[in-house]
C-alpha atoms as a PDB file:
ATOM      1  CA  UNK A   1      12.521  64.080 -27.455  1.00  0.00           C
ATOM      2  CA  UNK A   2      13.846  62.346 -30.576  1.00  0.00           C
ATOM      3  CA  UNK A   3      17.232  60.662 -30.225  1.00  0.00           C
ATOM      4  CA  UNK A   4      19.199  60.066 -33.435  1.00  0.00           C
ATOM      5  CA  UNK A   5      22.216  57.900 -34.102  1.00  0.00           C
ATOM      6  CA  UNK A   6      24.242  60.073 -36.485  1.00  0.00           C
ATOM      7  CA  UNK A   7      27.035  58.773 -38.724  1.00  0.00           C
ATOM      8  CA  UNK A   8      29.480  61.292 -40.172  1.00  0.00           C
ATOM      9  CA  UNK A   9      31.983  60.355 -42.888  1.00  0.00           C
ATOM     10  CA  UNK A  10      35.104  60.130 -40.722  1.00  0.00           C
ATOM     11  CA  UNK A  11      36.677  56.982 -39.378  1.00  0.00           C
ATOM     12  CA  UNK A  12      34.525  54.616 -37.304  1.00  0.00           C
ATOM     13  CA  UNK A  13      35.873  51.354 -35.908  1.00  0.00           C
ATOM     14  CA  UNK A  14      34.684  48.385 -33.923  1.00  0.00           C
ATOM     15  CA  UNK A  15      35.402  50.177 -30.635  1.00  0.00           C
ATOM     16  CA  UNK A  16      32.747  52.791 -31.352  1.00  0.00           C
ATOM     17  CA  UNK A  17      30.169  50.189 -32.337  1.00  0.00           C
ATOM     18  CA  UNK A  18      30.838  48.305 -29.101  1.00  0.00           C
ATOM     19  CA  UNK A  19      30.444  51.487 -27.077  1.00  0.00           C
ATOM     20  CA  UNK A  20      26.941  52.230 -28.328  1.00  0.00           C
ATOM     21  CA  UNK A  21      26.071  48.560 -27.798  1.00  0.00           C
ATOM     22  CA  UNK A  22      22.336  47.955 -27.535  1.00  0.00           C
ATOM     23  CA  UNK A  23      21.390  51.600 -27.067  1.00  0.00           C
ATOM     24  CA  UNK A  24      18.046  52.396 -28.662  1.00  0.00           C
ATOM     25  CA  UNK A  25      17.527  55.254 -31.127  1.00  0.00           C
ATOM     26  CA  UNK A  26      14.474  56.797 -32.747  1.00  0.00           C
ATOM     27  CA  UNK A  27      16.291  57.454 -36.017  1.00  0.00           C
ATOM     28  CA  UNK A  28      19.503  56.548 -37.803  1.00  0.00           C
ATOM     29  CA  UNK A  29      20.815  59.415 -39.925  1.00  0.00           C
ATOM     30  CA  UNK A  30      23.941  59.562 -42.072  1.00  0.00           C
ATOM     31  CA  UNK A  31      25.784  62.535 -43.528  1.00  0.00           C
ATOM     32  CA  UNK A  32      26.473  61.412 -47.104  1.00  0.00           C
ATOM     33  CA  UNK A  33      29.367  58.898 -46.953  1.00  0.00           C
ATOM     34  CA  UNK A  34      28.572  58.290 -43.299  1.00  0.00           C
ATOM     35  CA  UNK A  35      26.054  55.822 -44.730  1.00  0.00           C
ATOM     36  CA  UNK A  36      28.997  53.507 -45.408  1.00  0.00           C
ATOM     37  CA  UNK A  37      29.935  53.640 -41.719  1.00  0.00           C
ATOM     38  CA  UNK A  38      26.361  52.851 -40.752  1.00  0.00           C
ATOM     39  CA  UNK A  39      26.226  49.849 -43.070  1.00  0.00           C
ATOM     40  CA  UNK A  40      29.526  48.503 -41.765  1.00  0.00           C
ATOM     41  CA  UNK A  41      28.075  48.553 -38.262  1.00  0.00           C
ATOM     42  CA  UNK A  42      24.891  46.807 -39.334  1.00  0.00           C
ATOM     43  CA  UNK A  43      22.715  49.940 -39.212  1.00  0.00           C
ATOM     44  CA  UNK A  44      20.362  50.909 -42.033  1.00  0.00           C
ATOM     45  CA  UNK A  45      19.955  54.683 -42.164  1.00  0.00           C
ATOM     46  CA  UNK A  46      16.479  56.169 -42.225  1.00  0.00           C
ATOM     47  CA  UNK A  47      17.890  59.238 -43.962  1.00  0.00           C
ATOM     48  CA  UNK A  48      21.076  60.035 -45.870  1.00  0.00           C
ATOM     49  CA  UNK A  49      21.703  63.775 -46.233  1.00  0.00           C
ATOM     50  CA  UNK A  50      24.198  65.881 -48.165  1.00  0.00           C
ATOM     51  CA  UNK A  51      25.427  66.376 -51.696  1.00  0.00           C
ATOM     52  CA  UNK A  52      25.322  62.554 -51.992  1.00  0.00           C
ATOM     53  CA  UNK A  53      28.516  62.356 -54.028  1.00  0.00           C
ATOM     54  CA  UNK A  54      29.527  59.254 -52.044  1.00  0.00           C
ATOM     55  CA  UNK A  55      26.259  57.431 -52.724  1.00  0.00           C
ATOM     56  CA  UNK A  56      27.012  55.431 -55.858  1.00  0.00           C
ATOM     57  CA  UNK A  57      24.451  53.160 -57.478  1.00  0.00           C
ATOM     58  CA  UNK A  58      26.067  50.229 -55.677  1.00  0.00           C
ATOM     59  CA  UNK A  59      25.778  51.931 -52.292  1.00  0.00           C
ATOM     60  CA  UNK A  60      22.192  52.981 -52.978  1.00  0.00           C
ATOM     61  CA  UNK A  61      21.271  49.339 -53.562  1.00  0.00           C
ATOM     62  CA  UNK A  62      22.357  48.628 -49.972  1.00  0.00           C
ATOM     63  CA  UNK A  63      20.025  51.315 -48.620  1.00  0.00           C
ATOM     64  CA  UNK A  64      16.503  49.947 -49.174  1.00  0.00           C
ATOM     65  CA  UNK A  65      13.951  52.197 -47.552  1.00  0.00           C
ATOM     66  CA  UNK A  66      16.437  54.972 -46.787  1.00  0.00           C
ATOM     67  CA  UNK A  67      15.365  58.441 -47.869  1.00  0.00           C
ATOM     68  CA  UNK A  68      18.093  60.272 -49.797  1.00  0.00           C
ATOM     69  CA  UNK A  69      17.916  63.997 -49.020  1.00  0.00           C
ATOM     70  CA  UNK A  70      19.923  66.039 -51.512  1.00  0.00           C
ATOM     71  CA  UNK A  71      21.454  69.246 -50.129  1.00  0.00           C
ATOM     72  CA  UNK A  72      23.883  70.308 -52.896  1.00  0.00           C
ATOM     73  CA  UNK A  73      25.027  73.663 -51.450  1.00  0.00           C
ATOM     74  CA  UNK A  74      28.801  73.980 -51.217  1.00  0.00           C
ATOM     75  CA  UNK A  75      28.556  76.680 -48.542  1.00  0.00           C
ATOM     76  CA  UNK A  76      28.098  74.051 -45.804  1.00  0.00           C
ATOM     77  CA  UNK A  77      29.749  70.685 -45.279  1.00  0.00           C
ATOM     78  CA  UNK A  78      27.651  67.531 -45.098  1.00  0.00           C
ATOM     79  CA  UNK A  79      27.857  67.417 -41.295  1.00  0.00           C
ATOM     80  CA  UNK A  80      26.202  70.823 -40.976  1.00  0.00           C
ATOM     81  CA  UNK A  81      23.626  70.087 -43.677  1.00  0.00           C
ATOM     82  CA  UNK A  82      22.623  66.982 -41.776  1.00  0.00           C
ATOM     83  CA  UNK A  83      22.454  68.810 -38.448  1.00  0.00           C
ATOM     84  CA  UNK A  84      20.081  71.308 -40.029  1.00  0.00           C
ATOM     85  CA  UNK A  85      17.971  68.424 -41.310  1.00  0.00           C
ATOM     86  CA  UNK A  86      17.940  66.868 -37.828  1.00  0.00           C
ATOM     87  CA  UNK A  87      16.597  70.131 -36.472  1.00  0.00           C
ATOM     88  CA  UNK A  88      13.827  70.075 -39.085  1.00  0.00           C
ATOM     89  CA  UNK A  89      12.876  66.567 -37.904  1.00  0.00           C
ATOM     90  CA  UNK A  90      12.646  67.683 -34.283  1.00  0.00           C
ATOM     91  CA  UNK A  91      15.717  65.722 -33.143  1.00  0.00           C
ATOM     92  CA  UNK A  92      17.129  67.029 -29.869  1.00  0.00           C
ATOM     93  CA  UNK A  93      19.588  64.330 -28.775  1.00  0.00           C
ATOM     94  CA  UNK A  94      22.373  63.039 -31.040  1.00  0.00           C
ATOM     95  CA  UNK A  95      24.834  60.195 -30.580  1.00  0.00           C
ATOM     96  CA  UNK A  96      27.531  60.960 -33.126  1.00  0.00           C
ATOM     97  CA  UNK A  97      30.191  58.756 -34.689  1.00  0.00           C
ATOM     98  CA  UNK A  98      32.754  59.519 -37.360  1.00  0.00           C
ATOM     99  CA  UNK A  99      33.750  63.166 -36.855  1.00  0.00           C
ATOM    100  CA  UNK A 100      37.486  62.386 -36.797  1.00  0.00           C
ATOM    101  CA  UNK A 101      39.915  60.789 -39.192  1.00  0.00           C
ATOM    102  CA  UNK A 102      43.255  61.147 -40.886  1.00  0.00           C
ATOM    103  CA  UNK A 103      42.849  64.852 -41.724  1.00  0.00           C
ATOM    104  CA  UNK A 104      43.168  67.056 -38.658  1.00  0.00           C
ATOM    105  CA  UNK A 105      41.722  70.042 -40.555  1.00  0.00           C
ATOM    106  CA  UNK A 106      38.498  68.098 -41.123  1.00  0.00           C
ATOM    107  CA  UNK A 107      38.333  67.066 -37.471  1.00  0.00           C
ATOM    108  CA  UNK A 108      38.850  70.630 -36.226  1.00  0.00           C
ATOM    109  CA  UNK A 109      36.310  71.941 -38.711  1.00  0.00           C
ATOM    110  CA  UNK A 110      33.761  69.369 -37.544  1.00  0.00           C
ATOM    111  CA  UNK A 111      34.280  70.372 -33.909  1.00  0.00           C
ATOM    112  CA  UNK A 112      33.805  74.006 -34.924  1.00  0.00           C
ATOM    113  CA  UNK A 113      30.533  73.129 -36.673  1.00  0.00           C
ATOM    114  CA  UNK A 114      29.294  71.243 -33.606  1.00  0.00           C
ATOM    115  CA  UNK A 115      30.045  74.258 -31.402  1.00  0.00           C
ATOM    116  CA  UNK A 116      27.474  76.254 -33.397  1.00  0.00           C
ATOM    117  CA  UNK A 117      24.760  73.710 -32.642  1.00  0.00           C
ATOM    118  CA  UNK A 118      25.443  72.667 -29.068  1.00  0.00           C
ATOM    119  CA  UNK A 119      22.541  74.737 -27.713  1.00  0.00           C
ATOM    120  CA  UNK A 120      20.130  73.090 -30.153  1.00  0.00           C
ATOM    121  CA  UNK A 121      21.171  69.483 -29.517  1.00  0.00           C
ATOM    122  CA  UNK A 122      22.518  67.364 -26.700  1.00  0.00           C
ATOM    123  CA  UNK A 123      25.565  65.674 -28.229  1.00  0.00           C
ATOM    124  CA  UNK A 124      27.377  62.532 -27.161  1.00  0.00           C
ATOM    125  CA  UNK A 125      30.325  61.958 -29.478  1.00  0.00           C
ATOM    126  CA  UNK A 126      32.339  58.759 -29.707  1.00  0.00           C
ATOM    127  CA  UNK A 127      35.819  58.269 -31.099  1.00  0.00           C
ATOM    128  CA  UNK A 128      38.052  55.183 -30.677  1.00  0.00           C
ATOM    129  CA  UNK A 129      39.446  56.401 -27.353  1.00  0.00           C
ATOM    130  CA  UNK A 130      36.867  58.601 -25.685  1.00  0.00           C
ATOM    131  CA  UNK A 131      33.358  59.902 -25.232  1.00  0.00           C
ATOM    132  CA  UNK A 132      33.080  63.652 -25.829  1.00  0.00           C
ATOM    133  CA  UNK A 133      30.581  66.182 -24.485  1.00  0.00           C
ATOM    134  CA  UNK A 134      30.024  69.864 -25.298  1.00  0.00           C
ATOM    135  CA  UNK A 135      29.297  71.798 -22.113  1.00  0.00           C
ATOM    136  CA  UNK A 136      28.324  75.428 -21.543  1.00  0.00           C
ATOM    137  CA  UNK A 137      26.890  75.306 -18.018  1.00  0.00           C
ATOM    138  CA  UNK A 138      26.885  72.081 -16.021  1.00  0.00           C
ATOM    139  CA  UNK A 139      28.045  68.509 -16.488  1.00  0.00           C
ATOM    140  CA  UNK A 140      27.874  65.472 -14.226  1.00  0.00           C
ATOM    141  CA  UNK A 141      29.317  62.021 -14.778  1.00  0.00           C
ATOM    142  CA  UNK A 142      29.850  58.858 -12.741  1.00  0.00           C
ATOM    143  CA  UNK A 143      32.687  56.683 -13.934  1.00  0.00           C
ATOM    144  CA  UNK A 144      35.518  54.482 -12.761  1.00  0.00           C
ATOM    145  CA  UNK A 145      37.873  55.884 -10.140  1.00  0.00           C
ATOM    146  CA  UNK A 146      41.051  57.058 -11.921  1.00  0.00           C
ATOM    147  CA  UNK A 147      39.221  57.385 -15.250  1.00  0.00           C
ATOM    148  CA  UNK A 148      40.858  60.134 -17.276  1.00  0.00           C
ATOM    149  CA  UNK A 149      38.938  63.338 -17.964  1.00  0.00           C
ATOM    150  CA  UNK A 150      40.233  66.181 -20.148  1.00  0.00           C
ATOM    151  CA  UNK A 151      38.707  69.668 -20.255  1.00  0.00           C
ATOM    152  CA  UNK A 152      39.549  71.459 -23.504  1.00  0.00           C
ATOM    153  CA  UNK A 153      38.237  75.020 -23.902  1.00  0.00           C
ATOM    154  CA  UNK A 154      37.017  76.428 -27.191  1.00  0.00           C
ATOM    155  CA  UNK A 155      38.445  79.912 -26.915  1.00  0.00           C
ATOM    156  CA  UNK A 156      38.122  81.311 -23.395  1.00  0.00           C
ATOM    157  CA  UNK A 157      36.049  79.632 -20.678  1.00  0.00           C
ATOM    158  CA  UNK A 158      35.462  81.528 -17.446  1.00  0.00           C
ATOM    159  CA  UNK A 159      34.560  80.401 -13.960  1.00  0.00           C
ATOM    160  CA  UNK A 160      35.389  76.707 -14.191  1.00  0.00           C
ATOM    161  CA  UNK A 161      34.585  74.778 -11.018  1.00  0.00           C
ATOM    162  CA  UNK A 162      35.161  71.017 -10.695  1.00  0.00           C
ATOM    163  CA  UNK A 163      34.243  68.426  -8.093  1.00  0.00           C
ATOM    164  CA  UNK A 164      35.416  64.832  -7.848  1.00  0.00           C
ATOM    165  CA  UNK A 165      38.546  65.349  -9.973  1.00  0.00           C
ATOM    166  CA  UNK A 166      42.129  64.946  -8.767  1.00  0.00           C
ATOM    167  CA  UNK A 167      43.208  68.451  -9.799  1.00  0.00           C
ATOM    168  CA  UNK A 168      40.340  70.733  -8.801  1.00  0.00           C
ATOM    169  CA  UNK A 169      39.511  74.023 -10.446  1.00  0.00           C
ATOM    170  CA  UNK A 170      37.897  76.675  -8.277  1.00  0.00           C
ATOM    171  CA  UNK A 171      36.305  79.420 -10.324  1.00  0.00           C
ATOM    172  CA  UNK A 172      39.273  79.509 -12.705  1.00  0.00           C
ATOM    173  CA  UNK A 173      39.616  80.219 -16.448  1.00  0.00           C
ATOM    174  CA  UNK A 174      40.660  77.752 -19.126  1.00  0.00           C
ATOM    175  CA  UNK A 175      41.911  79.316 -22.355  1.00  0.00           C
ATOM    176  CA  UNK A 176      42.766  77.619 -25.642  1.00  0.00           C
ATOM    177  CA  UNK A 177      46.424  78.324 -26.364  1.00  0.00           C
ATOM    178  CA  UNK A 178      47.151  79.324 -22.763  1.00  0.00           C
ATOM    179  CA  UNK A 179      45.736  76.843 -20.281  1.00  0.00           C
ATOM    180  CA  UNK A 180      43.848  73.602 -20.779  1.00  0.00           C
ATOM    181  CA  UNK A 181      42.694  70.856 -18.435  1.00  0.00           C
ATOM    182  CA  UNK A 182      44.411  67.824 -19.925  1.00  0.00           C
ATOM    183  CA  UNK A 183      44.450  64.393 -18.238  1.00  0.00           C
ATOM    184  CA  UNK A 184      42.656  65.051 -14.992  1.00  0.00           C
ATOM    185  CA  UNK A 185      41.013  61.990 -13.437  1.00  0.00           C
ATOM    186  CA  UNK A 186      38.086  60.935 -11.277  1.00  0.00           C
ATOM    187  CA  UNK A 187      38.680  60.506  -7.536  1.00  0.00           C
ATOM    188  CA  UNK A 188      35.031  60.490  -6.400  1.00  0.00           C
ATOM    189  CA  UNK A 189      31.626  60.165  -7.991  1.00  0.00           C
ATOM    190  CA  UNK A 190      29.826  61.897  -9.430  1.00  0.00           C
ATOM    191  CA  UNK A 191      32.403  64.123 -11.102  1.00  0.00           C
ATOM    192  CA  UNK A 192      30.976  67.580 -11.743  1.00  0.00           C
ATOM    193  CA  UNK A 193      31.962  70.580 -13.844  1.00  0.00           C
ATOM    194  CA  UNK A 194      30.352  74.017 -13.792  1.00  0.00           C
ATOM    195  CA  UNK A 195      31.290  76.978 -15.951  1.00  0.00           C
ATOM    196  CA  UNK A 196      30.168  80.610 -15.975  1.00  0.00           C
ATOM    197  CA  UNK A 197      30.718  81.326 -19.669  1.00  0.00           C
ATOM    198  CA  UNK A 198      32.234  79.766 -22.768  1.00  0.00           C
ATOM    199  CA  UNK A 199      32.266  76.266 -24.212  1.00  0.00           C
ATOM    200  CA  UNK A 200      34.189  73.212 -22.989  1.00  0.00           C
ATOM    201  CA  UNK A 201      34.830  69.984 -24.813  1.00  0.00           C
ATOM    202  CA  UNK A 202      34.934  67.346 -22.082  1.00  0.00           C
ATOM    203  CA  UNK A 203      36.701  64.121 -23.065  1.00  0.00           C
ATOM    204  CA  UNK A 204      36.009  61.008 -20.987  1.00  0.00           C
ATOM    205  CA  UNK A 205      38.890  58.722 -21.891  1.00  0.00           C
ATOM    206  CA  UNK A 206      38.571  54.941 -21.998  1.00  0.00           C
ATOM    207  CA  UNK A 207      41.747  54.391 -20.004  1.00  0.00           C
ATOM    208  CA  UNK A 208      42.781  55.140 -16.444  1.00  0.00           C
ATOM    209  CA  UNK A 209      45.837  56.841 -14.923  1.00  0.00           C
END
């Protein structure tokens, strides 16, 4: 199973680079201007995909050996174009940096795009403050006692059951706009979440209660 380190064009800081540490990847892939994030972290992309409007001649000089894959369609954003390319390469696991930034509309749109692909890829997403997972069935995690965990539903999620969290859910719904699972925390390991239907974004926060 191919595992790709994927750079989107949002904000990526030193915290994210420290989090991925010495993890090994089969491929490094950037969505257009995400190549700049990769270079700042000392990673040379194998592929850069998108409309390539951020890849100036100066940037291209810093990408020796990288394959530039032009996908000019304006119907899809560069994140989705690159996900489609990952699927063509046979990638199944993606560690993703740079989906967030100053524009909340872009961040929400990127999360929406990811929700369309969560059954094709196993995502681990990093932002400056958390590690994010997309979960439709089961999730298990061992972390520090008191580590914060938030369960944010995309739409309606039915039959949520948790174990090892301070505020347990027992076959209960979570509904965007009605009821979320913000700022729960680990009391025993492993923490587990099961759901009957729907999609949860699970945020594992860096801090503790």
